[in-house]
Amino acid sequence: MEFTELVRARRMTRAFTSEPIPASALTELFDLALRSPSAGKTQGTHFVVLQGVDKDAFWNDTLPQEKRESFRWQQLLDANVIILPCVDPQAYVDRYSESDKSATGLGTTINAWPTPYWTVDGSFAVMTLLLAAQDAGLGALFFAVFNGEEALRKRLGIPDGIQMLGAVALGHPAEKQEKGRSASRSRKKQSEVVHHSRW
């Protein structure tokens, strides 16, 4: 698929089939995602991959049974894989305290960073993952973990200093897809958001 077509075709998938994803396909997706830009080649992005009973436990932590009946996106729970993209802020502080980066002053504390590049790099990796999924004929949805994050982190052993960016549901898209509530909003024109020479 041509890149322009790939970008224009990508959508957030909210309904999946239960068809499994081969392990080799997952390996390829992560290989591509981890080729995303990384400040100082810190490579502070991690992925926690949940399938089978681990995936079921994720939903138990984040979407309790009593809320599921009224949950709008029932087929989201059929996604074969849940991926938790995580980033390590301290890895960036450590990397920028090394001799080739220490002059930046960013190797002192997390607060020295005017922009949290760990979040930027993790977001690059997630976007690459979403595009790679589209290219592989899979569906993907990035979503926030609004509930149960503390229980989830504890159960999965995610260290305290690690930032969890959200979750990605990954699988084969169901034939019928219902659009999200925001889909009807028009896309802004370039003239509204691209500023030449000044704002």
N, C-alpha and C. Protein backbone atom coordinates (compact mmCIF):
# COMPACT_ATOMS: atom_id res chain seq x y z
N MET A 1 0.85 -1.19 0.00
CA MET A 1 0.00 0.00 0.00
C MET A 1 0.89 1.24 0.00
N GLU A 2 0.57 2.20 -0.86
CA GLU A 2 1.32 3.46 -0.89
C GLU A 2 1.16 4.19 0.45
N PHE A 3 2.18 4.91 0.86
CA PHE A 3 2.15 5.57 2.17
C PHE A 3 0.98 6.55 2.28
N THR A 4 0.75 7.36 1.25
CA THR A 4 -0.35 8.33 1.32
C THR A 4 -1.69 7.62 1.48
N GLU A 5 -1.86 6.50 0.80
CA GLU A 5 -3.10 5.73 0.92
C GLU A 5 -3.22 5.13 2.32
N LEU A 6 -2.09 4.65 2.84
CA LEU A 6 -2.06 4.05 4.17
C LEU A 6 -2.50 5.06 5.23
N VAL A 7 -1.94 6.26 5.17
CA VAL A 7 -2.28 7.30 6.16
C VAL A 7 -3.74 7.69 6.04
N ARG A 8 -4.23 7.82 4.83
CA ARG A 8 -5.63 8.25 4.64
C ARG A 8 -6.63 7.15 4.98
N ALA A 9 -6.21 5.90 4.89
CA ALA A 9 -7.12 4.78 5.16
C ALA A 9 -7.18 4.43 6.65
N ARG A 10 -6.15 4.79 7.42
CA ARG A 10 -6.10 4.38 8.82
C ARG A 10 -7.23 4.99 9.62
N ARG A 11 -7.90 4.16 10.38
CA ARG A 11 -8.97 4.58 11.28
C ARG A 11 -8.82 3.83 12.59
N MET A 12 -9.41 4.37 13.65
CA MET A 12 -9.45 3.65 14.91
C MET A 12 -10.54 2.58 14.80
N THR A 13 -10.16 1.34 15.08
CA THR A 13 -11.08 0.20 14.99
C THR A 13 -11.66 -0.07 16.37
N ARG A 14 -12.98 -0.16 16.43
CA ARG A 14 -13.64 -0.39 17.72
C ARG A 14 -14.39 -1.71 17.79
N ALA A 15 -14.38 -2.45 16.68
CA ALA A 15 -15.05 -3.76 16.65
C ALA A 15 -14.11 -4.77 15.98
N PHE A 16 -13.88 -5.88 16.68
CA PHE A 16 -12.93 -6.88 16.21
C PHE A 16 -13.59 -8.25 16.13
N THR A 17 -12.96 -9.14 15.36
CA THR A 17 -13.31 -10.56 15.42
C THR A 17 -12.36 -11.20 16.44
N SER A 18 -12.61 -12.45 16.76
CA SER A 18 -11.74 -13.14 17.72
C SER A 18 -10.62 -13.91 17.02
N GLU A 19 -10.46 -13.71 15.72
CA GLU A 19 -9.42 -14.41 14.96
C GLU A 19 -8.04 -14.06 15.52
N PRO A 20 -7.21 -15.08 15.75
CA PRO A 20 -5.88 -14.80 16.34
C PRO A 20 -4.92 -14.13 15.37
N ILE A 21 -3.92 -13.47 15.93
CA ILE A 21 -2.85 -12.85 15.16
C ILE A 21 -1.61 -13.73 15.31
N PRO A 22 -1.00 -14.13 14.21
CA PRO A 22 0.22 -14.95 14.32
C PRO A 22 1.33 -14.22 15.07
N ALA A 23 2.12 -14.96 15.83
CA ALA A 23 3.22 -14.37 16.58
C ALA A 23 4.19 -13.65 15.66
N SER A 24 4.39 -14.17 14.46
CA SER A 24 5.32 -13.54 13.51
C SER A 24 4.83 -12.16 13.09
N ALA A 25 3.51 -11.98 12.99
CA ALA A 25 2.95 -10.68 12.63
C ALA A 25 3.18 -9.67 13.75
N LEU A 26 3.03 -10.11 14.99
CA LEU A 26 3.29 -9.23 16.13
C LEU A 26 4.76 -8.81 16.18
N THR A 27 5.64 -9.77 15.94
CA THR A 27 7.08 -9.48 15.93
C THR A 27 7.40 -8.41 14.89
N GLU A 28 6.81 -8.52 13.72
CA GLU A 28 7.04 -7.54 12.64
C GLU A 28 6.50 -6.16 13.03
N LEU A 29 5.33 -6.11 13.66
CA LEU A 29 4.76 -4.83 14.08
C LEU A 29 5.67 -4.13 15.10
N PHE A 30 6.19 -4.90 16.07
CA PHE A 30 7.06 -4.30 17.07
C PHE A 30 8.41 -3.89 16.47
N ASP A 31 8.89 -4.66 15.50
CA ASP A 31 10.13 -4.28 14.84
C ASP A 31 9.99 -2.91 14.18
N LEU A 32 8.86 -2.69 13.53
CA LEU A 32 8.62 -1.40 12.88
C LEU A 32 8.41 -0.29 13.91
N ALA A 33 7.61 -0.56 14.94
CA ALA A 33 7.33 0.45 15.96
C ALA A 33 8.61 0.93 16.65
N LEU A 34 9.53 0.00 16.88
CA LEU A 34 10.75 0.34 17.60
C LEU A 34 11.81 0.99 16.71
N ARG A 35 11.47 1.21 15.45
CA ARG A 35 12.34 1.97 14.55
C ARG A 35 11.95 3.45 14.53
N SER A 36 11.00 3.82 15.34
CA SER A 36 10.58 5.22 15.43
C SER A 36 11.70 6.08 16.02
N PRO A 37 11.64 7.39 15.80
CA PRO A 37 12.68 8.28 16.36
C PRO A 37 12.75 8.15 17.88
N SER A 38 13.96 8.32 18.40
CA SER A 38 14.18 8.26 19.84
C SER A 38 15.26 9.26 20.21
N ALA A 39 14.93 10.22 21.06
CA ALA A 39 15.88 11.28 21.45
C ALA A 39 17.15 10.66 22.02
N GLY A 40 18.28 11.03 21.42
CA GLY A 40 19.56 10.50 21.89
C GLY A 40 19.67 9.00 21.76
N LYS A 41 18.80 8.42 20.95
CA LYS A 41 18.68 6.95 20.82
C LYS A 41 18.57 6.30 22.20
N THR A 42 17.78 6.95 23.05
CA THR A 42 17.57 6.45 24.41
C THR A 42 16.80 5.13 24.39
N GLN A 43 15.81 5.04 23.48
CA GLN A 43 15.01 3.82 23.34
C GLN A 43 14.32 3.46 24.65
N GLY A 44 13.60 4.44 25.19
CA GLY A 44 12.94 4.24 26.47
C GLY A 44 11.49 3.78 26.38
N THR A 45 11.07 3.30 25.20
CA THR A 45 9.70 2.81 25.03
C THR A 45 9.66 1.31 25.25
N HIS A 46 8.64 0.87 25.98
CA HIS A 46 8.41 -0.56 26.25
C HIS A 46 6.97 -0.89 25.90
N PHE A 47 6.72 -2.15 25.57
CA PHE A 47 5.37 -2.62 25.29
C PHE A 47 5.07 -3.84 26.16
N VAL A 48 3.94 -3.82 26.86
CA VAL A 48 3.46 -4.98 27.59
C VAL A 48 2.35 -5.59 26.74
N VAL A 49 2.52 -6.84 26.34
CA VAL A 49 1.61 -7.50 25.41
C VAL A 49 0.74 -8.49 26.18
N LEU A 50 -0.58 -8.34 26.03
CA LEU A 50 -1.53 -9.18 26.77
C LEU A 50 -2.42 -9.94 25.79
N GLN A 51 -2.45 -11.26 25.95
CA GLN A 51 -3.31 -12.13 25.15
C GLN A 51 -3.94 -13.17 26.05
N GLY A 52 -4.98 -13.81 25.56
CA GLY A 52 -5.61 -14.90 26.29
C GLY A 52 -6.10 -14.46 27.66
N VAL A 53 -5.73 -15.22 28.69
CA VAL A 53 -6.20 -14.92 30.05
C VAL A 53 -5.65 -13.58 30.55
N ASP A 54 -4.47 -13.18 30.06
CA ASP A 54 -3.91 -11.89 30.45
C ASP A 54 -4.76 -10.75 29.91
N LYS A 55 -5.24 -10.92 28.69
CA LYS A 55 -6.13 -9.91 28.09
C LYS A 55 -7.44 -9.84 28.87
N ASP A 56 -7.97 -11.00 29.23
CA ASP A 56 -9.22 -11.02 30.01
C ASP A 56 -9.03 -10.32 31.36
N ALA A 57 -7.88 -10.54 31.98
CA ALA A 57 -7.59 -9.90 33.26
C ALA A 57 -7.47 -8.38 33.09
N PHE A 58 -6.94 -7.93 31.95
CA PHE A 58 -6.88 -6.50 31.67
C PHE A 58 -8.28 -5.90 31.72
N TRP A 59 -9.24 -6.55 31.04
CA TRP A 59 -10.61 -6.03 31.03
C TRP A 59 -11.24 -6.10 32.42
N ASN A 60 -10.91 -7.12 33.19
CA ASN A 60 -11.42 -7.21 34.55
C ASN A 60 -10.93 -6.05 35.41
N ASP A 61 -9.68 -5.63 35.19
CA ASP A 61 -9.11 -4.51 35.94
C ASP A 61 -9.71 -3.18 35.50
N THR A 62 -9.94 -3.01 34.20
CA THR A 62 -10.27 -1.69 33.65
C THR A 62 -11.73 -1.49 33.29
N LEU A 63 -12.46 -2.58 33.10
CA LEU A 63 -13.88 -2.49 32.76
C LEU A 63 -14.62 -3.58 33.53
N PRO A 64 -14.93 -3.30 34.80
CA PRO A 64 -15.56 -4.32 35.64
C PRO A 64 -16.85 -4.87 35.02
N GLN A 65 -17.15 -6.10 35.38
CA GLN A 65 -18.28 -6.83 34.80
C GLN A 65 -19.59 -6.04 34.88
N GLU A 66 -19.82 -5.33 35.98
CA GLU A 66 -21.08 -4.60 36.15
C GLU A 66 -21.23 -3.45 35.15
N LYS A 67 -20.13 -3.00 34.55
CA LYS A 67 -20.20 -1.91 33.57
C LYS A 67 -20.23 -2.41 32.13
N ARG A 68 -19.97 -3.69 31.93
CA ARG A 68 -19.83 -4.20 30.57
C ARG A 68 -21.13 -4.24 29.79
N GLU A 69 -22.24 -4.52 30.48
CA GLU A 69 -23.52 -4.64 29.76
C GLU A 69 -23.89 -3.34 29.06
N SER A 70 -23.56 -2.22 29.66
CA SER A 70 -23.90 -0.93 29.07
C SER A 70 -22.75 -0.34 28.24
N PHE A 71 -21.66 -1.08 28.10
CA PHE A 71 -20.51 -0.60 27.35
C PHE A 71 -20.85 -0.53 25.86
N ARG A 72 -20.60 0.60 25.26
CA ARG A 72 -21.02 0.83 23.87
C ARG A 72 -20.28 -0.06 22.86
N TRP A 73 -19.01 -0.35 23.12
CA TRP A 73 -18.18 -1.02 22.13
C TRP A 73 -17.95 -2.48 22.52
N GLN A 74 -19.00 -3.30 22.47
CA GLN A 74 -18.91 -4.68 22.92
C GLN A 74 -17.85 -5.50 22.18
N GLN A 75 -17.71 -5.26 20.87
CA GLN A 75 -16.75 -6.05 20.09
C GLN A 75 -15.30 -5.57 20.26
N LEU A 76 -15.10 -4.51 21.00
CA LEU A 76 -13.75 -4.10 21.34
C LEU A 76 -13.11 -5.18 22.22
N LEU A 77 -13.90 -5.81 23.05
CA LEU A 77 -13.40 -6.84 23.95
C LEU A 77 -12.94 -8.09 23.21
N ASP A 78 -13.31 -8.21 21.92
CA ASP A 78 -12.90 -9.35 21.11
C ASP A 78 -11.51 -9.18 20.50
N ALA A 79 -10.92 -8.00 20.61
CA ALA A 79 -9.57 -7.79 20.07
C ALA A 79 -8.64 -8.88 20.59
N ASN A 80 -7.82 -9.42 19.71
CA ASN A 80 -6.97 -10.55 20.06
C ASN A 80 -5.86 -10.17 21.03
N VAL A 81 -5.40 -8.92 20.95
CA VAL A 81 -4.25 -8.48 21.73
C VAL A 81 -4.53 -7.11 22.34
N ILE A 82 -4.08 -6.91 23.56
CA ILE A 82 -4.02 -5.58 24.17
C ILE A 82 -2.55 -5.28 24.41
N ILE A 83 -2.11 -4.12 23.94
CA ILE A 83 -0.73 -3.70 24.09
C ILE A 83 -0.71 -2.45 24.97
N LEU A 84 0.13 -2.46 25.98
CA LEU A 84 0.28 -1.29 26.84
C LEU A 84 1.60 -0.62 26.53
N PRO A 85 1.58 0.50 25.79
CA PRO A 85 2.82 1.22 25.53
C PRO A 85 3.23 2.01 26.77
N CYS A 86 4.47 1.83 27.18
CA CYS A 86 4.99 2.47 28.39
C CYS A 86 6.32 3.15 28.07
N VAL A 87 6.64 4.18 28.83
CA VAL A 87 7.90 4.88 28.63
C VAL A 87 8.61 5.08 29.96
N ASP A 88 9.93 5.18 29.88
CA ASP A 88 10.77 5.27 31.06
C ASP A 88 11.45 6.64 31.11
N PRO A 89 10.89 7.61 31.84
CA PRO A 89 11.49 8.94 31.90
C PRO A 89 12.93 8.93 32.41
N GLN A 90 13.20 8.10 33.40
CA GLN A 90 14.54 8.08 33.99
C GLN A 90 15.59 7.65 32.97
N ALA A 91 15.22 6.82 32.01
CA ALA A 91 16.17 6.40 30.97
C ALA A 91 16.69 7.61 30.20
N TYR A 92 15.84 8.63 30.03
CA TYR A 92 16.25 9.84 29.30
C TYR A 92 17.19 10.69 30.14
N VAL A 93 16.90 10.78 31.43
CA VAL A 93 17.80 11.51 32.32
C VAL A 93 19.16 10.82 32.33
N ASP A 94 19.16 9.51 32.44
CA ASP A 94 20.42 8.75 32.47
C ASP A 94 21.19 8.91 31.16
N ARG A 95 20.48 8.82 30.05
CA ARG A 95 21.15 8.95 28.74
C ARG A 95 21.77 10.33 28.57
N TYR A 96 21.04 11.37 29.01
CA TYR A 96 21.52 12.73 28.81
C TYR A 96 22.51 13.18 29.89
N SER A 97 22.82 12.29 30.80
CA SER A 97 23.91 12.56 31.74
C SER A 97 25.22 11.99 31.21
N GLU A 98 25.15 11.24 30.11
CA GLU A 98 26.36 10.68 29.49
C GLU A 98 27.16 11.80 28.83
N SER A 99 28.46 11.55 28.63
CA SER A 99 29.39 12.59 28.22
C SER A 99 29.00 13.30 26.92
N ASP A 100 28.42 12.58 25.95
CA ASP A 100 28.08 13.22 24.67
C ASP A 100 26.82 14.08 24.76
N LYS A 101 26.09 13.99 25.88
CA LYS A 101 24.84 14.75 26.02
C LYS A 101 24.81 15.64 27.26
N SER A 102 25.78 15.52 28.13
CA SER A 102 25.72 16.20 29.43
C SER A 102 25.67 17.72 29.32
N ALA A 103 26.21 18.28 28.26
CA ALA A 103 26.21 19.75 28.10
C ALA A 103 24.79 20.31 27.94
N THR A 104 23.84 19.46 27.63
CA THR A 104 22.45 19.92 27.46
C THR A 104 21.82 20.30 28.79
N GLY A 105 22.33 19.76 29.89
CA GLY A 105 21.73 20.00 31.20
C GLY A 105 20.50 19.15 31.47
N LEU A 106 20.17 18.26 30.53
CA LEU A 106 18.96 17.44 30.68
C LEU A 106 19.21 16.17 31.48
N GLY A 107 20.46 15.95 31.86
CA GLY A 107 20.79 14.75 32.59
C GLY A 107 20.75 14.92 34.09
N THR A 108 20.16 16.00 34.55
CA THR A 108 20.11 16.25 36.00
C THR A 108 18.86 15.65 36.64
N THR A 109 17.69 16.07 36.17
CA THR A 109 16.42 15.54 36.69
C THR A 109 15.39 15.51 35.57
N ILE A 110 14.31 14.83 35.81
CA ILE A 110 13.19 14.81 34.86
C ILE A 110 12.65 16.22 34.65
N ASN A 111 12.66 17.03 35.71
CA ASN A 111 12.13 18.39 35.63
C ASN A 111 12.96 19.31 34.75
N ALA A 112 14.17 18.91 34.38
CA ALA A 112 15.02 19.73 33.52
C ALA A 112 14.53 19.73 32.07
N TRP A 113 13.65 18.80 31.74
CA TRP A 113 13.18 18.66 30.36
C TRP A 113 11.99 19.57 30.10
N PRO A 114 12.10 20.58 29.21
CA PRO A 114 10.96 21.45 28.92
C PRO A 114 9.85 20.70 28.17
N THR A 115 10.23 19.69 27.42
CA THR A 115 9.27 18.81 26.74
C THR A 115 9.59 17.38 27.16
N PRO A 116 8.60 16.60 27.59
CA PRO A 116 8.89 15.22 28.02
C PRO A 116 9.11 14.31 26.81
N TYR A 117 10.35 14.23 26.37
CA TYR A 117 10.64 13.49 25.15
C TYR A 117 10.34 12.02 25.25
N TRP A 118 10.26 11.47 26.45
CA TRP A 118 9.85 10.07 26.60
C TRP A 118 8.42 9.89 26.10
N THR A 119 7.56 10.87 26.39
CA THR A 119 6.18 10.80 25.91
C THR A 119 6.13 10.99 24.40
N VAL A 120 6.95 11.91 23.89
CA VAL A 120 7.01 12.13 22.44
C VAL A 120 7.47 10.87 21.73
N ASP A 121 8.56 10.28 22.21
CA ASP A 121 9.10 9.08 21.57
C ASP A 121 8.11 7.91 21.65
N GLY A 122 7.48 7.75 22.81
CA GLY A 122 6.48 6.69 22.95
C GLY A 122 5.31 6.90 22.00
N SER A 123 4.92 8.16 21.80
CA SER A 123 3.83 8.49 20.89
C SER A 123 4.22 8.20 19.44
N PHE A 124 5.49 8.51 19.10
CA PHE A 124 5.99 8.14 17.76
C PHE A 124 5.84 6.64 17.54
N ALA A 125 6.25 5.86 18.54
CA ALA A 125 6.22 4.40 18.42
C ALA A 125 4.78 3.89 18.29
N VAL A 126 3.86 4.48 19.04
CA VAL A 126 2.46 4.07 18.94
C VAL A 126 1.91 4.40 17.56
N MET A 127 2.22 5.59 17.03
CA MET A 127 1.72 5.95 15.71
C MET A 127 2.28 5.02 14.64
N THR A 128 3.55 4.68 14.75
CA THR A 128 4.14 3.73 13.80
C THR A 128 3.44 2.38 13.92
N LEU A 129 3.15 1.96 15.14
CA LEU A 129 2.44 0.69 15.36
C LEU A 129 1.06 0.72 14.71
N LEU A 130 0.33 1.84 14.85
CA LEU A 130 -1.00 1.95 14.25
C LEU A 130 -0.92 1.88 12.73
N LEU A 131 0.06 2.54 12.14
CA LEU A 131 0.22 2.51 10.69
C LEU A 131 0.66 1.13 10.21
N ALA A 132 1.55 0.49 10.97
CA ALA A 132 2.00 -0.86 10.61
C ALA A 132 0.84 -1.85 10.66
N ALA A 133 -0.03 -1.69 11.66
CA ALA A 133 -1.21 -2.56 11.77
C ALA A 133 -2.11 -2.38 10.55
N GLN A 134 -2.34 -1.14 10.14
CA GLN A 134 -3.15 -0.86 8.96
C GLN A 134 -2.53 -1.52 7.72
N ASP A 135 -1.22 -1.39 7.59
CA ASP A 135 -0.52 -1.95 6.44
C ASP A 135 -0.61 -3.47 6.42
N ALA A 136 -0.69 -4.09 7.61
CA ALA A 136 -0.77 -5.55 7.71
C ALA A 136 -2.21 -6.06 7.60
N GLY A 137 -3.16 -5.15 7.37
CA GLY A 137 -4.56 -5.57 7.24
C GLY A 137 -5.24 -5.79 8.58
N LEU A 138 -4.66 -5.26 9.64
CA LEU A 138 -5.23 -5.41 10.98
C LEU A 138 -5.90 -4.11 11.40
N GLY A 139 -6.68 -4.18 12.44
CA GLY A 139 -7.30 -3.00 13.02
C GLY A 139 -6.66 -2.70 14.36
N ALA A 140 -6.66 -1.43 14.73
CA ALA A 140 -6.06 -1.04 16.01
C ALA A 140 -6.81 0.16 16.57
N LEU A 141 -6.84 0.23 17.88
CA LEU A 141 -7.46 1.35 18.58
C LEU A 141 -6.57 1.75 19.75
N PHE A 142 -6.15 3.01 19.76
CA PHE A 142 -5.46 3.53 20.94
C PHE A 142 -6.51 4.14 21.85
N PHE A 143 -6.44 3.81 23.14
CA PHE A 143 -7.40 4.38 24.09
C PHE A 143 -6.76 4.55 25.45
N ALA A 144 -7.33 5.44 26.22
CA ALA A 144 -6.81 5.71 27.57
C ALA A 144 -7.28 4.63 28.53
N VAL A 145 -6.49 4.40 29.54
CA VAL A 145 -6.89 3.51 30.64
C VAL A 145 -7.43 4.40 31.74
N PHE A 146 -8.74 4.64 31.71
CA PHE A 146 -9.36 5.58 32.64
C PHE A 146 -9.60 4.98 34.02
N ASN A 147 -9.78 3.67 34.06
CA ASN A 147 -10.12 3.02 35.33
C ASN A 147 -9.20 1.83 35.58
N GLY A 148 -8.88 1.61 36.84
CA GLY A 148 -8.15 0.42 37.25
C GLY A 148 -6.67 0.40 36.96
N GLU A 149 -6.09 1.56 36.64
CA GLU A 149 -4.67 1.55 36.28
C GLU A 149 -3.79 1.07 37.42
N GLU A 150 -4.11 1.48 38.64
CA GLU A 150 -3.28 1.09 39.78
C GLU A 150 -3.27 -0.43 39.96
N ALA A 151 -4.45 -1.05 39.89
CA ALA A 151 -4.54 -2.51 40.03
C ALA A 151 -3.83 -3.20 38.87
N LEU A 152 -3.99 -2.65 37.68
CA LEU A 152 -3.35 -3.20 36.48
C LEU A 152 -1.83 -3.15 36.61
N ARG A 153 -1.31 -2.00 36.99
CA ARG A 153 0.13 -1.84 37.13
C ARG A 153 0.69 -2.81 38.18
N LYS A 154 -0.02 -2.93 39.28
CA LYS A 154 0.45 -3.82 40.35
C LYS A 154 0.45 -5.27 39.89
N ARG A 155 -0.62 -5.68 39.23
CA ARG A 155 -0.72 -7.07 38.77
C ARG A 155 0.35 -7.40 37.73
N LEU A 156 0.67 -6.43 36.87
CA LEU A 156 1.64 -6.66 35.79
C LEU A 156 3.07 -6.35 36.20
N GLY A 157 3.26 -5.80 37.41
CA GLY A 157 4.61 -5.51 37.88
C GLY A 157 5.26 -4.34 37.16
N ILE A 158 4.46 -3.38 36.70
CA ILE A 158 5.01 -2.20 36.03
C ILE A 158 5.62 -1.30 37.09
N PRO A 159 6.91 -0.99 36.98
CA PRO A 159 7.58 -0.19 38.02
C PRO A 159 6.95 1.19 38.19
N ASP A 160 7.08 1.75 39.39
CA ASP A 160 6.46 3.04 39.73
C ASP A 160 6.88 4.18 38.81
N GLY A 161 8.14 4.22 38.39
CA GLY A 161 8.60 5.34 37.59
C GLY A 161 8.23 5.29 36.13
N ILE A 162 7.60 4.22 35.71
CA ILE A 162 7.26 4.04 34.29
C ILE A 162 5.91 4.68 34.00
N GLN A 163 5.85 5.46 32.92
CA GLN A 163 4.60 6.10 32.50
C GLN A 163 3.88 5.19 31.50
N MET A 164 2.64 4.85 31.80
CA MET A 164 1.82 4.09 30.87
C MET A 164 1.03 5.08 30.01
N LEU A 165 1.23 5.03 28.70
CA LEU A 165 0.61 6.00 27.81
C LEU A 165 -0.87 5.71 27.57
N GLY A 166 -1.28 4.48 27.69
CA GLY A 166 -2.64 4.08 27.39
C GLY A 166 -2.64 2.62 27.00
N ALA A 167 -3.52 2.26 26.08
CA ALA A 167 -3.59 0.88 25.61
C ALA A 167 -3.90 0.87 24.12
N VAL A 168 -3.46 -0.18 23.45
CA VAL A 168 -3.78 -0.38 22.04
C VAL A 168 -4.46 -1.74 21.92
N ALA A 169 -5.69 -1.73 21.41
CA ALA A 169 -6.38 -2.98 21.08
C ALA A 169 -5.99 -3.32 19.65
N LEU A 170 -5.64 -4.57 19.41
CA LEU A 170 -5.15 -4.98 18.10
C LEU A 170 -5.81 -6.28 17.69
N GLY A 171 -6.24 -6.36 16.45
CA GLY A 171 -6.85 -7.59 15.97
C GLY A 171 -7.38 -7.44 14.56
N HIS A 172 -8.15 -8.43 14.15
CA HIS A 172 -8.77 -8.38 12.83
C HIS A 172 -10.07 -7.59 12.95
N PRO A 173 -10.24 -6.58 12.11
CA PRO A 173 -11.44 -5.75 12.23
C PRO A 173 -12.70 -6.51 11.85
N ALA A 174 -13.77 -6.30 12.61
CA ALA A 174 -15.08 -6.86 12.24
C ALA A 174 -15.56 -6.16 10.97
N GLU A 175 -16.43 -6.82 10.24
CA GLU A 175 -16.91 -6.26 8.97
C GLU A 175 -17.66 -4.96 9.19
N LYS A 176 -18.50 -4.93 10.22
CA LYS A 176 -19.29 -3.72 10.49
C LYS A 176 -18.58 -2.89 11.56
N GLN A 177 -18.32 -1.64 11.23
CA GLN A 177 -17.66 -0.72 12.15
C GLN A 177 -18.57 0.48 12.41
N GLU A 178 -18.83 0.73 13.67
CA GLU A 178 -19.58 1.93 14.04
C GLU A 178 -18.60 3.04 14.32
N LYS A 179 -18.84 4.20 13.77
CA LYS A 179 -17.93 5.33 13.96
C LYS A 179 -18.06 5.89 15.37
N GLY A 180 -16.95 6.44 15.85
CA GLY A 180 -16.95 7.11 17.14
C GLY A 180 -17.72 8.41 17.08
N ARG A 181 -18.05 8.94 18.24
CA ARG A 181 -18.86 10.16 18.31
C ARG A 181 -18.19 11.36 17.65
N SER A 182 -16.87 11.38 17.62
CA SER A 182 -16.15 12.53 17.08
C SER A 182 -15.94 12.45 15.57
N ALA A 183 -16.28 11.33 14.96
CA ALA A 183 -16.00 11.13 13.53
C ALA A 183 -16.71 12.14 12.64
N SER A 184 -17.83 12.67 13.09
CA SER A 184 -18.59 13.61 12.25
C SER A 184 -17.98 15.02 12.23
N ARG A 185 -17.04 15.26 13.12
CA ARG A 185 -16.38 16.57 13.12
C ARG A 185 -15.55 16.71 11.85
N SER A 186 -15.61 17.89 11.25
CA SER A 186 -14.87 18.10 10.01
C SER A 186 -13.38 18.26 10.31
N ARG A 187 -12.56 17.84 9.33
CA ARG A 187 -11.12 18.00 9.46
C ARG A 187 -10.76 19.46 9.21
N LYS A 188 -9.94 20.02 10.05
CA LYS A 188 -9.56 21.43 9.87
C LYS A 188 -8.77 21.60 8.58
N LYS A 189 -8.92 22.75 7.97
CA LYS A 189 -8.18 23.06 6.75
C LYS A 189 -6.74 23.42 7.12
N GLN A 190 -5.83 23.18 6.18
CA GLN A 190 -4.44 23.55 6.42
C GLN A 190 -4.31 25.03 6.78
N SER A 191 -5.11 25.85 6.13
CA SER A 191 -5.03 27.30 6.37
C SER A 191 -5.35 27.67 7.81
N GLU A 192 -6.04 26.78 8.53
CA GLU A 192 -6.38 27.05 9.93
C GLU A 192 -5.27 26.65 10.89
N VAL A 193 -4.40 25.74 10.49
CA VAL A 193 -3.43 25.19 11.44
C VAL A 193 -1.98 25.28 10.97
N VAL A 194 -1.75 25.57 9.70
CA VAL A 194 -0.38 25.70 9.20
C VAL A 194 -0.06 27.19 9.12
N HIS A 195 0.95 27.61 9.87
CA HIS A 195 1.28 29.04 9.98
C HIS A 195 2.65 29.28 9.32
N HIS A 196 2.68 30.05 8.28
CA HIS A 196 3.93 30.33 7.58
C HIS A 196 4.55 31.62 8.10
N SER A 197 5.81 31.58 8.42
CA SER A 197 6.62 32.70 8.90
C SER A 197 6.28 33.13 10.32
N ARG A 198 5.01 33.18 10.68
CA ARG A 198 4.59 33.51 12.04
C ARG A 198 3.19 32.99 12.28
N TRP A 199 2.71 33.03 13.53
CA TRP A 199 1.37 32.53 13.86
C TRP A 199 0.31 33.34 13.15
